Amino acid sequence: SNIWQLTTPAWKGKFAITAPTQTPNELEWFSEMELHGQKQLAAAYDAEFHKKYTGKDAARTLIVDLAKNEPIVESSLGTAVLSVGGPGVTKAHSTIALAHGATYATRITEKTNIAMCQDMDPWSGYLYPDFIVETTHSAYKYEAELFIYYAETAIGNAPASTGGGESGNIKVPGGKGGPPGVLAAEKSPTGFLHLSLSSLKQDAALEPVVEKLWLKNLVTR
């Protein structure tokens, strides 16, 4: 129920995460927590440990403590989910994993024993935007524009919608037929840390710093 629980002895070796050195999203999550999540993390620390956070940087404290608590560092999002409750797993290698919503949507249709974690303090995860990019001087300019238009229609968004993803077009509802909890979580204004486009340059500068911090303190079995 609280992200700081993942740093305690009870959760030692039970948190699965894709290697941040391989996945820029995780590094951006680290840097965004530092830029925009200090107050929320400090408040969650106070709530979990019943004492005031007195450090200088709650995000870096969390990163260090997570790294030291023997996380299960996986090579992909899919294996992170499978380590929690994949087919044939009788005793989970981990009991909670940070994974992509689409990966969860795919795995839940297989023979997995997994469920989406919700209502964690201060967030159950993070949300980041996807982009469709049309290259400059495209040889097929109008076809590219047509594809972008199509992707923002209900039919074009259907593949993302079945995984719980919302369309960039606010007139197109998302998440129909998706797994339980995904769309509700995405619509929650506070349940997820929303990565900010305005701080991408700051993220790029911070990511090497938090990556070194993670690697320096990483303890694995």
C-alpha atoms as a PDB file:
ATOM      1  CA  SER A   1       0.000   0.000   0.000  1.00  0.00           C
ATOM      2  CA  ASN A   2       3.046   2.294   0.205  1.00  0.00           C
ATOM      3  CA  ILE A   3       6.031   2.464  -2.144  1.00  0.00           C
ATOM      4  CA  TRP A   4       8.446   2.674   0.799  1.00  0.00           C
ATOM      5  CA  GLN A   5       7.397  -0.822   1.875  1.00  0.00           C
ATOM      6  CA  LEU A   6       9.474  -2.104  -1.048  1.00  0.00           C
ATOM      7  CA  THR A   7      12.592  -0.899   0.794  1.00  0.00           C
ATOM      8  CA  THR A   8      11.869  -2.876   3.984  1.00  0.00           C
ATOM      9  CA  PRO A   9      13.163  -6.338   5.022  1.00  0.00           C
ATOM     10  CA  ALA A  10       9.711  -7.842   4.440  1.00  0.00           C
ATOM     11  CA  TRP A  11      10.032  -7.033   0.725  1.00  0.00           C
ATOM     12  CA  LYS A  12      13.692  -7.904   0.311  1.00  0.00           C
ATOM     13  CA  GLY A  13      14.185  -9.723  -2.989  1.00  0.00           C
ATOM     14  CA  LYS A  14      10.496  -9.524  -3.853  1.00  0.00           C
ATOM     15  CA  PHE A  15      10.352  -6.527  -6.203  1.00  0.00           C
ATOM     16  CA  ALA A  16      10.932  -7.125  -9.926  1.00  0.00           C
ATOM     17  CA  ILE A  17      11.986  -4.319 -12.248  1.00  0.00           C
ATOM     18  CA  THR A  18      13.343  -4.173 -15.774  1.00  0.00           C
ATOM     19  CA  ALA A  19      16.997  -3.136 -15.711  1.00  0.00           C
ATOM     20  CA  PRO A  20      16.976   0.693 -15.687  1.00  0.00           C
ATOM     21  CA  THR A  21      20.231   0.604 -17.679  1.00  0.00           C
ATOM     22  CA  GLN A  22      18.260  -1.002 -20.530  1.00  0.00           C
ATOM     23  CA  THR A  23      15.009   0.906 -20.265  1.00  0.00           C
ATOM     24  CA  PRO A  24      15.026   4.712 -20.486  1.00  0.00           C
ATOM     25  CA  ASN A  25      11.498   4.831 -19.047  1.00  0.00           C
ATOM     26  CA  GLU A  26      12.690   3.599 -15.671  1.00  0.00           C
ATOM     27  CA  LEU A  27      15.496   6.161 -15.583  1.00  0.00           C
ATOM     28  CA  GLU A  28      13.026   8.859 -16.533  1.00  0.00           C
ATOM     29  CA  TRP A  29      10.759   7.678 -13.725  1.00  0.00           C
ATOM     30  CA  PHE A  30      13.693   8.063 -11.313  1.00  0.00           C
ATOM     31  CA  SER A  31      14.509  11.560 -12.560  1.00  0.00           C
ATOM     32  CA  GLU A  32      10.869  12.671 -12.635  1.00  0.00           C
ATOM     33  CA  MET A  33      10.425  11.576  -9.020  1.00  0.00           C
ATOM     34  CA  GLU A  34      13.368  13.777  -8.144  1.00  0.00           C
ATOM     35  CA  LEU A  35      12.048  16.741 -10.114  1.00  0.00           C
ATOM     36  CA  HIS A  36       8.344  16.511  -9.314  1.00  0.00           C
ATOM     37  CA  GLY A  37       7.717  13.937  -6.595  1.00  0.00           C
ATOM     38  CA  GLN A  38       9.749  15.024  -3.581  1.00  0.00           C
ATOM     39  CA  LYS A  39       6.823  16.212  -1.452  1.00  0.00           C
ATOM     40  CA  GLN A  40       4.701  13.148  -2.211  1.00  0.00           C
ATOM     41  CA  LEU A  41       7.546  10.749  -1.441  1.00  0.00           C
ATOM     42  CA  ALA A  42       8.420  12.532   1.790  1.00  0.00           C
ATOM     43  CA  ALA A  43       4.774  12.439   2.899  1.00  0.00           C
ATOM     44  CA  ALA A  44       4.535   8.723   2.036  1.00  0.00           C
ATOM     45  CA  TYR A  45       7.727   8.107   4.041  1.00  0.00           C
ATOM     46  CA  ASP A  46       6.204   9.871   7.046  1.00  0.00           C
ATOM     47  CA  ALA A  47       3.027   7.804   6.708  1.00  0.00           C
ATOM     48  CA  GLU A  48       4.844   4.464   6.410  1.00  0.00           C
ATOM     49  CA  PHE A  49       7.540   4.848   9.039  1.00  0.00           C
ATOM     50  CA  HIS A  50       5.664   7.211  11.397  1.00  0.00           C
ATOM     51  CA  LYS A  51       8.541   9.657  11.459  1.00  0.00           C
ATOM     52  CA  LYS A  52       9.370  12.732   9.452  1.00  0.00           C
ATOM     53  CA  TYR A  53      11.669  12.381   6.470  1.00  0.00           C
ATOM     54  CA  THR A  54      14.740  14.443   7.315  1.00  0.00           C
ATOM     55  CA  GLY A  55      16.908  13.725   4.275  1.00  0.00           C
ATOM     56  CA  LYS A  56      17.710  16.139   1.473  1.00  0.00           C
ATOM     57  CA  ASP A  57      16.293  14.154  -1.464  1.00  0.00           C
ATOM     58  CA  ALA A  58      13.471  11.649  -0.930  1.00  0.00           C
ATOM     59  CA  ALA A  59      13.657  10.373  -4.514  1.00  0.00           C
ATOM     60  CA  ARG A  60      17.351   9.520  -4.275  1.00  0.00           C
ATOM     61  CA  THR A  61      16.807   7.902  -0.895  1.00  0.00           C
ATOM     62  CA  LEU A  62      14.110   5.704  -2.449  1.00  0.00           C
ATOM     63  CA  ILE A  63      16.322   4.778  -5.425  1.00  0.00           C
ATOM     64  CA  VAL A  64      19.215   3.826  -3.126  1.00  0.00           C
ATOM     65  CA  ASP A  65      17.015   1.865  -0.721  1.00  0.00           C
ATOM     66  CA  LEU A  66      15.276   0.010  -3.579  1.00  0.00           C
ATOM     67  CA  ALA A  67      18.635  -0.900  -5.108  1.00  0.00           C
ATOM     68  CA  LYS A  68      19.988  -2.175  -1.793  1.00  0.00           C
ATOM     69  CA  ASN A  69      16.944  -4.343  -1.088  1.00  0.00           C
ATOM     70  CA  GLU A  70      17.920  -7.052  -3.588  1.00  0.00           C
ATOM     71  CA  PRO A  71      15.461  -6.246  -6.389  1.00  0.00           C
ATOM     72  CA  ILE A  72      14.884  -8.857  -9.085  1.00  0.00           C
ATOM     73  CA  VAL A  73      16.404  -7.149 -12.126  1.00  0.00           C
ATOM     74  CA  GLU A  74      14.793  -8.586 -15.247  1.00  0.00           C
ATOM     75  CA  SER A  75      15.727  -8.288 -18.906  1.00  0.00           C
ATOM     76  CA  SER A  76      12.229  -7.358 -20.073  1.00  0.00           C
ATOM     77  CA  LEU A  77       8.810  -6.231 -18.917  1.00  0.00           C
ATOM     78  CA  GLY A  78       7.352  -9.615 -19.805  1.00  0.00           C
ATOM     79  CA  THR A  79       9.763 -11.577 -17.637  1.00  0.00           C
ATOM     80  CA  ALA A  80       9.173  -9.160 -14.767  1.00  0.00           C
ATOM     81  CA  VAL A  81       5.466  -9.976 -14.875  1.00  0.00           C
ATOM     82  CA  LEU A  82       6.083 -13.713 -15.258  1.00  0.00           C
ATOM     83  CA  SER A  83       8.299 -13.706 -12.170  1.00  0.00           C
ATOM     84  CA  VAL A  84       5.259 -12.636 -10.158  1.00  0.00           C
ATOM     85  CA  GLY A  85       2.737 -15.185 -11.361  1.00  0.00           C
ATOM     86  CA  GLY A  86       3.662 -16.828 -14.633  1.00  0.00           C
ATOM     87  CA  PRO A  87       2.467 -20.249 -15.820  1.00  0.00           C
ATOM     88  CA  GLY A  88       3.904 -22.982 -13.625  1.00  0.00           C
ATOM     89  CA  VAL A  89       5.134 -20.596 -10.939  1.00  0.00           C
ATOM     90  CA  THR A  90       4.180 -22.195  -7.636  1.00  0.00           C
ATOM     91  CA  LYS A  91       6.223 -19.838  -5.500  1.00  0.00           C
ATOM     92  CA  ALA A  92       6.770 -16.390  -6.930  1.00  0.00           C
ATOM     93  CA  HIS A  93      10.342 -15.203  -7.327  1.00  0.00           C
ATOM     94  CA  SER A  94       8.913 -11.755  -6.691  1.00  0.00           C
ATOM     95  CA  THR A  95       5.540 -10.638  -5.449  1.00  0.00           C
ATOM     96  CA  ILE A  96       5.304  -7.291  -7.203  1.00  0.00           C
ATOM     97  CA  ALA A  97       6.670  -6.025 -10.504  1.00  0.00           C
ATOM     98  CA  LEU A  98       6.907  -2.693 -12.263  1.00  0.00           C
ATOM     99  CA  ALA A  99       5.610  -3.426 -15.745  1.00  0.00           C
ATOM    100  CA  HIS A 100       3.990  -1.816 -18.764  1.00  0.00           C
ATOM    101  CA  GLY A 101       0.198  -1.689 -18.837  1.00  0.00           C
ATOM    102  CA  ALA A 102       0.152  -3.309 -22.276  1.00  0.00           C
ATOM    103  CA  THR A 103       2.386  -6.116 -20.995  1.00  0.00           C
ATOM    104  CA  TYR A 104      -0.029  -6.662 -18.131  1.00  0.00           C
ATOM    105  CA  ALA A 105      -2.926  -6.676 -20.579  1.00  0.00           C
ATOM    106  CA  THR A 106      -1.192  -9.336 -22.678  1.00  0.00           C
ATOM    107  CA  ARG A 107      -0.082 -11.521 -19.797  1.00  0.00           C
ATOM    108  CA  ILE A 108      -3.450 -11.493 -18.041  1.00  0.00           C
ATOM    109  CA  THR A 109      -4.959 -13.301 -21.029  1.00  0.00           C
ATOM    110  CA  GLU A 110      -2.442 -16.111 -20.556  1.00  0.00           C
ATOM    111  CA  LYS A 111      -2.264 -18.599 -17.715  1.00  0.00           C
ATOM    112  CA  THR A 112      -0.972 -16.113 -15.186  1.00  0.00           C
ATOM    113  CA  ASN A 113      -1.914 -15.420 -11.597  1.00  0.00           C
ATOM    114  CA  ILE A 114      -1.513 -11.667 -11.521  1.00  0.00           C
ATOM    115  CA  ALA A 115      -3.558  -8.599 -10.652  1.00  0.00           C
ATOM    116  CA  MET A 116      -2.989  -4.892 -10.990  1.00  0.00           C
ATOM    117  CA  CYS A 117      -1.740  -3.125  -7.882  1.00  0.00           C
ATOM    118  CA  GLN A 118      -3.790  -0.031  -7.102  1.00  0.00           C
ATOM    119  CA  ASP A 119      -3.993   2.722  -4.511  1.00  0.00           C
ATOM    120  CA  MET A 120      -0.332   2.667  -3.518  1.00  0.00           C
ATOM    121  CA  ASP A 121       0.935   5.748  -1.714  1.00  0.00           C
ATOM    122  CA  PRO A 122       1.984   8.020  -3.379  1.00  0.00           C
ATOM    123  CA  TRP A 123       1.602   6.272  -6.789  1.00  0.00           C
ATOM    124  CA  SER A 124       1.044   2.819  -8.214  1.00  0.00           C
ATOM    125  CA  GLY A 125       3.411   3.591 -11.077  1.00  0.00           C
ATOM    126  CA  TYR A 126       3.884   6.225 -13.736  1.00  0.00           C
ATOM    127  CA  LEU A 127       2.288   7.322 -16.988  1.00  0.00           C
ATOM    128  CA  TYR A 128       4.122   8.627 -20.023  1.00  0.00           C
ATOM    129  CA  PRO A 129       2.840   9.836 -23.414  1.00  0.00           C
ATOM    130  CA  ASP A 130       3.349   8.060 -26.728  1.00  0.00           C
ATOM    131  CA  PHE A 131       3.978   9.933 -29.951  1.00  0.00           C
ATOM    132  CA  ILE A 132       3.271   9.488 -33.632  1.00  0.00           C
ATOM    133  CA  VAL A 133       5.948  11.279 -35.628  1.00  0.00           C
ATOM    134  CA  GLU A 134       5.810  12.287 -39.271  1.00  0.00           C
ATOM    135  CA  THR A 135       9.293  12.742 -40.677  1.00  0.00           C
ATOM    136  CA  THR A 136      10.216  15.973 -42.426  1.00  0.00           C
ATOM    137  CA  HIS A 137      10.104  15.784 -46.229  1.00  0.00           C
ATOM    138  CA  SER A 138       8.327  12.447 -46.148  1.00  0.00           C
ATOM    139  CA  ALA A 139       8.055  10.880 -49.594  1.00  0.00           C
ATOM    140  CA  TYR A 140       4.443  10.013 -48.829  1.00  0.00           C
ATOM    141  CA  LYS A 141       3.343  13.064 -46.888  1.00  0.00           C
ATOM    142  CA  TYR A 142      -0.395  12.653 -47.353  1.00  0.00           C
ATOM    143  CA  GLU A 143      -0.329   8.942 -46.567  1.00  0.00           C
ATOM    144  CA  ALA A 144       1.563   9.721 -43.340  1.00  0.00           C
ATOM    145  CA  GLU A 145      -0.983  12.369 -42.390  1.00  0.00           C
ATOM    146  CA  LEU A 146      -3.794   9.931 -43.180  1.00  0.00           C
ATOM    147  CA  PHE A 147      -2.247   7.285 -40.916  1.00  0.00           C
ATOM    148  CA  ILE A 148      -1.951   9.776 -38.057  1.00  0.00           C
ATOM    149  CA  TYR A 149      -5.578  10.743 -38.550  1.00  0.00           C
ATOM    150  CA  TYR A 150      -6.583   7.062 -38.647  1.00  0.00           C
ATOM    151  CA  ALA A 151      -4.651   6.248 -35.462  1.00  0.00           C
ATOM    152  CA  GLU A 152      -6.700   8.850 -33.588  1.00  0.00           C
ATOM    153  CA  THR A 153     -10.046   7.336 -34.595  1.00  0.00           C
ATOM    154  CA  ALA A 154     -11.888   4.685 -32.598  1.00  0.00           C
ATOM    155  CA  ILE A 155     -10.963   1.970 -35.110  1.00  0.00           C
ATOM    156  CA  GLY A 156      -7.331   3.034 -35.312  1.00  0.00           C
ATOM    157  CA  ASN A 157      -7.025   3.162 -31.529  1.00  0.00           C
ATOM    158  CA  ALA A 158      -8.617  -0.268 -31.069  1.00  0.00           C
ATOM    159  CA  PRO A 159      -5.330  -2.202 -30.581  1.00  0.00           C
ATOM    160  CA  ALA A 160      -4.284   0.183 -27.799  1.00  0.00           C
ATOM    161  CA  SER A 161      -7.809   0.331 -26.419  1.00  0.00           C
ATOM    162  CA  THR A 162      -8.017  -3.411 -25.833  1.00  0.00           C
ATOM    163  CA  GLY A 163      -4.902  -3.089 -23.697  1.00  0.00           C
ATOM    164  CA  GLY A 164      -6.508  -0.316 -21.685  1.00  0.00           C
ATOM    165  CA  GLY A 165      -4.756   2.527 -23.495  1.00  0.00           C
ATOM    166  CA  GLU A 166      -6.412   5.870 -24.019  1.00  0.00           C
ATOM    167  CA  SER A 167      -6.433   7.667 -27.347  1.00  0.00           C
ATOM    168  CA  GLY A 168      -4.762  11.030 -27.881  1.00  0.00           C
ATOM    169  CA  ASN A 169      -8.173  12.131 -29.147  1.00  0.00           C
ATOM    170  CA  ILE A 170     -10.328  13.009 -26.145  1.00  0.00           C
ATOM    171  CA  LYS A 171     -13.456  12.219 -28.199  1.00  0.00           C
ATOM    172  CA  VAL A 172     -12.404   8.580 -28.530  1.00  0.00           C
ATOM    173  CA  PRO A 173     -13.094   6.421 -25.451  1.00  0.00           C
ATOM    174  CA  GLY A 174     -10.333   3.991 -24.511  1.00  0.00           C
ATOM    175  CA  GLY A 175     -10.045   0.793 -22.595  1.00  0.00           C
ATOM    176  CA  LYS A 176     -13.094  -1.072 -23.908  1.00  0.00           C
ATOM    177  CA  GLY A 177     -12.518  -4.734 -23.324  1.00  0.00           C
ATOM    178  CA  GLY A 178      -9.221  -4.100 -21.585  1.00  0.00           C
ATOM    179  CA  PRO A 179      -8.085  -5.821 -18.405  1.00  0.00           C
ATOM    180  CA  PRO A 180      -9.594  -4.788 -15.063  1.00  0.00           C
ATOM    181  CA  GLY A 181      -8.155  -1.686 -13.506  1.00  0.00           C
ATOM    182  CA  VAL A 182      -6.014  -0.318 -16.338  1.00  0.00           C
ATOM    183  CA  LEU A 183      -8.311   2.401 -17.656  1.00  0.00           C
ATOM    184  CA  ALA A 184      -9.511   3.379 -14.178  1.00  0.00           C
ATOM    185  CA  ALA A 185      -5.906   3.739 -13.084  1.00  0.00           C
ATOM    186  CA  GLU A 186      -5.021   5.839 -16.127  1.00  0.00           C
ATOM    187  CA  LYS A 187      -7.934   8.168 -15.485  1.00  0.00           C
ATOM    188  CA  SER A 188      -6.933   8.702 -11.860  1.00  0.00           C
ATOM    189  CA  PRO A 189      -5.408  12.172 -11.481  1.00  0.00           C
ATOM    190  CA  THR A 190      -3.234  11.154  -8.534  1.00  0.00           C
ATOM    191  CA  GLY A 191      -2.782   7.380  -8.766  1.00  0.00           C
ATOM    192  CA  PHE A 192       0.172   7.629 -11.129  1.00  0.00           C
ATOM    193  CA  LEU A 193       3.127   9.952 -11.487  1.00  0.00           C
ATOM    194  CA  HIS A 194       2.532  11.712 -14.792  1.00  0.00           C
ATOM    195  CA  LEU A 195       5.820  12.265 -16.596  1.00  0.00           C
ATOM    196  CA  SER A 196       6.111  15.886 -17.653  1.00  0.00           C
ATOM    197  CA  LEU A 197       7.075  16.850 -21.197  1.00  0.00           C
ATOM    198  CA  SER A 198       8.246  20.258 -19.983  1.00  0.00           C
ATOM    199  CA  SER A 199      11.101  18.677 -18.027  1.00  0.00           C
ATOM    200  CA  LEU A 200      12.496  16.327 -20.686  1.00  0.00           C
ATOM    201  CA  LYS A 201      15.754  18.283 -20.934  1.00  0.00           C
ATOM    202  CA  GLN A 202      16.185  18.161 -17.160  1.00  0.00           C
ATOM    203  CA  ASP A 203      15.440  14.438 -17.255  1.00  0.00           C
ATOM    204  CA  ALA A 204      18.138  13.900 -19.872  1.00  0.00           C
ATOM    205  CA  ALA A 205      20.673  15.643 -17.631  1.00  0.00           C
ATOM    206  CA  LEU A 206      19.594  13.738 -14.514  1.00  0.00           C
ATOM    207  CA  GLU A 207      19.332  10.247 -15.974  1.00  0.00           C
ATOM    208  CA  PRO A 208      23.093   9.499 -15.997  1.00  0.00           C
ATOM    209  CA  VAL A 209      23.229  10.647 -12.364  1.00  0.00           C
ATOM    210  CA  VAL A 210      20.391   8.433 -11.136  1.00  0.00           C
ATOM    211  CA  GLU A 211      21.657   5.531 -13.257  1.00  0.00           C
ATOM    212  CA  LYS A 212      25.037   5.682 -11.494  1.00  0.00           C
ATOM    213  CA  LEU A 213      23.257   5.994  -8.150  1.00  0.00           C
ATOM    214  CA  TRP A 214      21.269   2.835  -8.896  1.00  0.00           C
ATOM    215  CA  LEU A 215      24.259   0.819 -10.111  1.00  0.00           C
ATOM    216  CA  LYS A 216      26.486   1.955  -7.253  1.00  0.00           C
ATOM    217  CA  ASN A 217      24.015   0.707  -4.655  1.00  0.00           C
ATOM    218  CA  LEU A 218      22.533  -2.289  -6.469  1.00  0.00           C
ATOM    219  CA  VAL A 219      22.592  -5.517  -4.481  1.00  0.00           C
ATOM    220  CA  THR A 220      21.398  -8.688  -6.200  1.00  0.00           C
ATOM    221  CA  ARG A 221      21.356 -12.341  -5.182  1.00  0.00           C
END
